[in-house]
Amino acid sequence: MPQISGFEIIINEILKIIPFLIPVIIIEWGLLIFALVLAIKNDVVYLPKWAWIPIIILVNVIGPIIFLIIGRKKDSNSEREDKDEDEEDWKQENK
């Protein structure tokens, strides 16, 4: 009967874990891409864009979450009012 080496045992354990890791990896990459797109397209606060991008990429799951919580520039009330006025104008024009 052939003996199973330590390396084969480790490989077998890794293969058992992979089905659970695939969804986590997909979510991590989705979060990374989402945060990068927002950082590039929108205004940021507290740090310049060039500083946020490496944080998002290098700090894995925590970097994008930190950016989404504190790094994005929030809409001010005046910008929201402008958007509301634009929506009302558009609705009136398309009646």
N, C-alpha and C. Protein backbone atom coordinates (compact mmCIF):
# COMPACT_ATOMS: atom_id res chain seq x y z
N MET A 1 0.85 -1.18 0.00
CA MET A 1 0.00 0.00 0.00
C MET A 1 0.90 1.25 0.00
N PRO A 2 0.66 2.19 -0.95
CA PRO A 2 1.52 3.38 -1.02
C PRO A 2 1.25 4.32 0.16
N GLN A 3 2.33 4.92 0.62
CA GLN A 3 2.19 5.88 1.71
C GLN A 3 1.87 7.26 1.15
N ILE A 4 1.06 7.99 1.92
CA ILE A 4 0.72 9.37 1.53
C ILE A 4 1.72 10.29 2.21
N SER A 5 2.37 11.11 1.41
CA SER A 5 3.37 12.02 1.96
C SER A 5 2.70 13.24 2.60
N GLY A 6 3.47 13.97 3.37
CA GLY A 6 2.95 15.18 4.00
C GLY A 6 2.50 16.21 2.98
N PHE A 7 3.21 16.27 1.85
CA PHE A 7 2.85 17.21 0.80
C PHE A 7 1.47 16.89 0.23
N GLU A 8 1.18 15.61 0.02
CA GLU A 8 -0.12 15.21 -0.52
C GLU A 8 -1.24 15.51 0.47
N ILE A 9 -0.97 15.37 1.75
CA ILE A 9 -1.97 15.70 2.78
C ILE A 9 -2.29 17.19 2.74
N ILE A 10 -1.27 18.00 2.62
CA ILE A 10 -1.47 19.45 2.55
C ILE A 10 -2.28 19.83 1.31
N ILE A 11 -1.94 19.23 0.18
CA ILE A 11 -2.67 19.51 -1.06
C ILE A 11 -4.13 19.12 -0.92
N ASN A 12 -4.39 17.97 -0.33
CA ASN A 12 -5.77 17.52 -0.13
C ASN A 12 -6.55 18.48 0.77
N GLU A 13 -5.91 18.99 1.81
CA GLU A 13 -6.58 19.96 2.70
C GLU A 13 -6.87 21.26 1.97
N ILE A 14 -5.94 21.71 1.16
CA ILE A 14 -6.15 22.94 0.38
C ILE A 14 -7.31 22.76 -0.60
N LEU A 15 -7.37 21.60 -1.24
CA LEU A 15 -8.45 21.33 -2.19
C LEU A 15 -9.82 21.30 -1.50
N LYS A 16 -9.86 20.94 -0.24
CA LYS A 16 -11.12 20.95 0.50
C LYS A 16 -11.58 22.38 0.81
N ILE A 17 -10.64 23.30 0.96
CA ILE A 17 -10.94 24.68 1.34
C ILE A 17 -11.30 25.55 0.13
N ILE A 18 -10.79 25.22 -1.03
CA ILE A 18 -10.95 26.06 -2.23
C ILE A 18 -12.41 26.41 -2.54
N PRO A 19 -13.37 25.50 -2.45
CA PRO A 19 -14.76 25.90 -2.76
C PRO A 19 -15.29 27.01 -1.85
N PHE A 20 -14.77 27.11 -0.65
CA PHE A 20 -15.20 28.17 0.26
C PHE A 20 -14.47 29.48 -0.01
N LEU A 21 -13.28 29.39 -0.57
CA LEU A 21 -12.49 30.60 -0.83
C LEU A 21 -12.89 31.30 -2.12
N ILE A 22 -13.40 30.58 -3.09
CA ILE A 22 -13.74 31.19 -4.38
C ILE A 22 -14.74 32.33 -4.24
N PRO A 23 -15.86 32.19 -3.51
CA PRO A 23 -16.78 33.32 -3.36
C PRO A 23 -16.14 34.51 -2.64
N VAL A 24 -15.28 34.24 -1.67
CA VAL A 24 -14.61 35.31 -0.94
C VAL A 24 -13.68 36.08 -1.88
N ILE A 25 -12.96 35.36 -2.72
CA ILE A 25 -12.06 36.00 -3.67
C ILE A 25 -12.84 36.83 -4.69
N ILE A 26 -13.96 36.33 -5.16
CA ILE A 26 -14.79 37.07 -6.12
C ILE A 26 -15.32 38.35 -5.49
N ILE A 27 -15.79 38.26 -4.25
CA ILE A 27 -16.29 39.46 -3.56
C ILE A 27 -15.16 40.45 -3.34
N GLU A 28 -13.99 39.97 -2.95
CA GLU A 28 -12.85 40.86 -2.73
C GLU A 28 -12.47 41.61 -4.00
N TRP A 29 -12.39 40.91 -5.13
CA TRP A 29 -12.03 41.56 -6.39
C TRP A 29 -13.12 42.53 -6.84
N GLY A 30 -14.38 42.16 -6.65
CA GLY A 30 -15.47 43.07 -7.00
C GLY A 30 -15.42 44.35 -6.19
N LEU A 31 -15.17 44.22 -4.89
CA LEU A 31 -15.05 45.38 -4.02
C LEU A 31 -13.86 46.24 -4.42
N LEU A 32 -12.75 45.61 -4.75
CA LEU A 32 -11.55 46.32 -5.18
C LEU A 32 -11.82 47.12 -6.45
N ILE A 33 -12.42 46.50 -7.44
CA ILE A 33 -12.69 47.18 -8.71
C ILE A 33 -13.70 48.31 -8.51
N PHE A 34 -14.75 48.06 -7.72
CA PHE A 34 -15.76 49.08 -7.45
C PHE A 34 -15.12 50.30 -6.79
N ALA A 35 -14.31 50.08 -5.76
CA ALA A 35 -13.66 51.19 -5.05
C ALA A 35 -12.68 51.92 -5.95
N LEU A 36 -11.94 51.21 -6.79
CA LEU A 36 -11.00 51.86 -7.70
C LEU A 36 -11.72 52.75 -8.70
N VAL A 37 -12.81 52.26 -9.25
CA VAL A 37 -13.57 53.06 -10.23
C VAL A 37 -14.10 54.32 -9.56
N LEU A 38 -14.65 54.19 -8.35
CA LEU A 38 -15.14 55.37 -7.64
C LEU A 38 -14.01 56.35 -7.32
N ALA A 39 -12.87 55.83 -6.91
CA ALA A 39 -11.74 56.70 -6.57
C ALA A 39 -11.23 57.46 -7.79
N ILE A 40 -11.22 56.81 -8.92
CA ILE A 40 -10.71 57.45 -10.13
C ILE A 40 -11.70 58.46 -10.69
N LYS A 41 -12.99 58.13 -10.69
CA LYS A 41 -13.99 58.99 -11.32
C LYS A 41 -14.47 60.13 -10.44
N ASN A 42 -14.47 59.96 -9.12
CA ASN A 42 -15.08 60.95 -8.23
C ASN A 42 -14.03 61.67 -7.41
N ASP A 43 -14.49 62.74 -6.76
CA ASP A 43 -13.61 63.48 -5.85
C ASP A 43 -13.42 62.67 -4.57
N VAL A 44 -12.24 62.83 -3.97
CA VAL A 44 -11.93 62.13 -2.73
C VAL A 44 -11.56 63.16 -1.65
N VAL A 45 -11.60 62.71 -0.39
CA VAL A 45 -11.25 63.59 0.71
C VAL A 45 -10.16 62.94 1.56
N TYR A 46 -9.54 63.75 2.41
CA TYR A 46 -8.52 63.35 3.37
C TYR A 46 -7.17 63.01 2.75
N LEU A 47 -7.13 62.39 1.61
CA LEU A 47 -5.88 62.07 0.92
C LEU A 47 -6.08 62.32 -0.57
N PRO A 48 -4.98 62.58 -1.29
CA PRO A 48 -5.13 62.72 -2.75
C PRO A 48 -5.43 61.37 -3.40
N LYS A 49 -5.91 61.43 -4.63
CA LYS A 49 -6.27 60.19 -5.34
C LYS A 49 -5.08 59.24 -5.45
N TRP A 50 -3.88 59.79 -5.71
CA TRP A 50 -2.72 58.94 -5.88
C TRP A 50 -2.38 58.18 -4.60
N ALA A 51 -2.83 58.65 -3.44
CA ALA A 51 -2.60 57.94 -2.18
C ALA A 51 -3.69 56.92 -1.91
N TRP A 52 -4.92 57.24 -2.33
CA TRP A 52 -6.03 56.30 -2.10
C TRP A 52 -5.88 55.04 -2.94
N ILE A 53 -5.40 55.18 -4.16
CA ILE A 53 -5.33 54.02 -5.06
C ILE A 53 -4.43 52.91 -4.51
N PRO A 54 -3.20 53.20 -4.04
CA PRO A 54 -2.41 52.11 -3.46
C PRO A 54 -3.03 51.53 -2.19
N ILE A 55 -3.70 52.38 -1.41
CA ILE A 55 -4.36 51.86 -0.20
C ILE A 55 -5.44 50.86 -0.60
N ILE A 56 -6.23 51.21 -1.60
CA ILE A 56 -7.30 50.31 -2.05
C ILE A 56 -6.72 49.00 -2.57
N ILE A 57 -5.63 49.07 -3.32
CA ILE A 57 -5.07 47.87 -3.92
C ILE A 57 -4.29 47.02 -2.91
N LEU A 58 -3.47 47.66 -2.10
CA LEU A 58 -2.54 46.91 -1.26
C LEU A 58 -3.10 46.45 0.08
N VAL A 59 -4.15 47.06 0.56
CA VAL A 59 -4.67 46.70 1.87
C VAL A 59 -5.86 45.75 1.73
N ASN A 60 -5.95 45.08 0.61
CA ASN A 60 -6.97 44.07 0.33
C ASN A 60 -8.37 44.50 0.71
N VAL A 61 -9.09 43.76 1.51
CA VAL A 61 -10.50 44.04 1.78
C VAL A 61 -10.67 45.31 2.60
N ILE A 62 -9.79 45.56 3.53
CA ILE A 62 -9.95 46.71 4.43
C ILE A 62 -9.74 48.04 3.69
N GLY A 63 -8.81 48.10 2.74
CA GLY A 63 -8.55 49.33 2.00
C GLY A 63 -9.77 49.86 1.26
N PRO A 64 -10.43 49.03 0.44
CA PRO A 64 -11.64 49.51 -0.24
C PRO A 64 -12.75 49.91 0.73
N ILE A 65 -12.89 49.18 1.82
CA ILE A 65 -13.95 49.50 2.79
C ILE A 65 -13.65 50.85 3.45
N ILE A 66 -12.39 51.09 3.83
CA ILE A 66 -12.01 52.38 4.42
C ILE A 66 -12.29 53.50 3.43
N PHE A 67 -11.92 53.28 2.16
CA PHE A 67 -12.18 54.32 1.15
C PHE A 67 -13.67 54.59 1.02
N LEU A 68 -14.48 53.54 0.94
CA LEU A 68 -15.92 53.73 0.75
C LEU A 68 -16.56 54.42 1.95
N ILE A 69 -16.02 54.21 3.15
CA ILE A 69 -16.61 54.83 4.34
C ILE A 69 -16.14 56.27 4.51
N ILE A 70 -14.82 56.53 4.41
CA ILE A 70 -14.33 57.88 4.72
C ILE A 70 -13.68 58.60 3.55
N GLY A 71 -13.31 57.91 2.49
CA GLY A 71 -12.53 58.54 1.43
C GLY A 71 -13.32 59.23 0.35
N ARG A 72 -14.59 58.85 0.20
CA ARG A 72 -15.38 59.46 -0.86
C ARG A 72 -15.89 60.81 -0.42
N LYS A 73 -15.97 61.73 -1.36
CA LYS A 73 -16.56 63.03 -1.07
C LYS A 73 -18.07 62.90 -1.15
N LYS A 74 -18.72 63.26 -0.07
CA LYS A 74 -20.19 63.16 0.00
C LYS A 74 -20.82 64.32 -0.75
N ASP A 75 -22.04 64.10 -1.26
CA ASP A 75 -22.77 65.18 -1.92
C ASP A 75 -23.16 66.22 -0.88
N SER A 76 -22.93 67.47 -1.21
CA SER A 76 -23.37 68.53 -0.30
C SER A 76 -24.84 68.81 -0.56
N ASN A 77 -25.47 69.52 0.35
CA ASN A 77 -26.89 69.83 0.20
C ASN A 77 -27.16 70.65 -1.05
N SER A 78 -26.25 71.57 -1.38
CA SER A 78 -26.47 72.40 -2.56
C SER A 78 -26.41 71.56 -3.83
N GLU A 79 -25.52 70.58 -3.88
CA GLU A 79 -25.46 69.72 -5.05
C GLU A 79 -26.72 68.87 -5.16
N ARG A 80 -27.23 68.42 -4.02
CA ARG A 80 -28.45 67.62 -4.03
C ARG A 80 -29.62 68.47 -4.50
N GLU A 81 -29.68 69.73 -4.05
CA GLU A 81 -30.75 70.61 -4.48
C GLU A 81 -30.66 70.86 -5.98
N ASP A 82 -29.43 71.04 -6.49
CA ASP A 82 -29.25 71.24 -7.92
C ASP A 82 -29.74 70.02 -8.70
N LYS A 83 -29.43 68.84 -8.19
CA LYS A 83 -29.88 67.62 -8.86
C LYS A 83 -31.40 67.53 -8.84
N ASP A 84 -32.01 67.87 -7.71
CA ASP A 84 -33.47 67.84 -7.62
C ASP A 84 -34.09 68.81 -8.61
N GLU A 85 -33.51 70.02 -8.71
CA GLU A 85 -34.03 71.01 -9.64
C GLU A 85 -33.88 70.52 -11.08
N ASP A 86 -32.75 69.89 -11.40
CA ASP A 86 -32.53 69.36 -12.74
C ASP A 86 -33.54 68.27 -13.06
N GLU A 87 -33.83 67.42 -12.08
CA GLU A 87 -34.81 66.36 -12.30
C GLU A 87 -36.20 66.95 -12.54
N GLU A 88 -36.56 67.99 -11.78
CA GLU A 88 -37.86 68.61 -11.94
C GLU A 88 -37.95 69.27 -13.32
N ASP A 89 -36.87 69.94 -13.74
CA ASP A 89 -36.86 70.56 -15.08
C ASP A 89 -37.02 69.51 -16.16
N TRP A 90 -36.32 68.39 -16.01
CA TRP A 90 -36.40 67.32 -17.01
C TRP A 90 -37.81 66.75 -17.06
N LYS A 91 -38.43 66.56 -15.91
CA LYS A 91 -39.79 66.01 -15.88
C LYS A 91 -40.77 66.97 -16.56
N GLN A 92 -40.60 68.28 -16.33
CA GLN A 92 -41.50 69.25 -16.93
C GLN A 92 -41.31 69.30 -18.45
N GLU A 93 -40.07 69.16 -18.92
CA GLU A 93 -39.80 69.21 -20.34
C GLU A 93 -40.35 67.98 -21.06
N ASN A 94 -40.41 66.86 -20.38
CA ASN A 94 -40.82 65.60 -21.03
C ASN A 94 -42.28 65.24 -20.76
N LYS A 95 -43.09 66.20 -20.33
CA LYS A 95 -44.52 65.92 -20.14
C LYS A 95 -45.23 65.95 -21.45
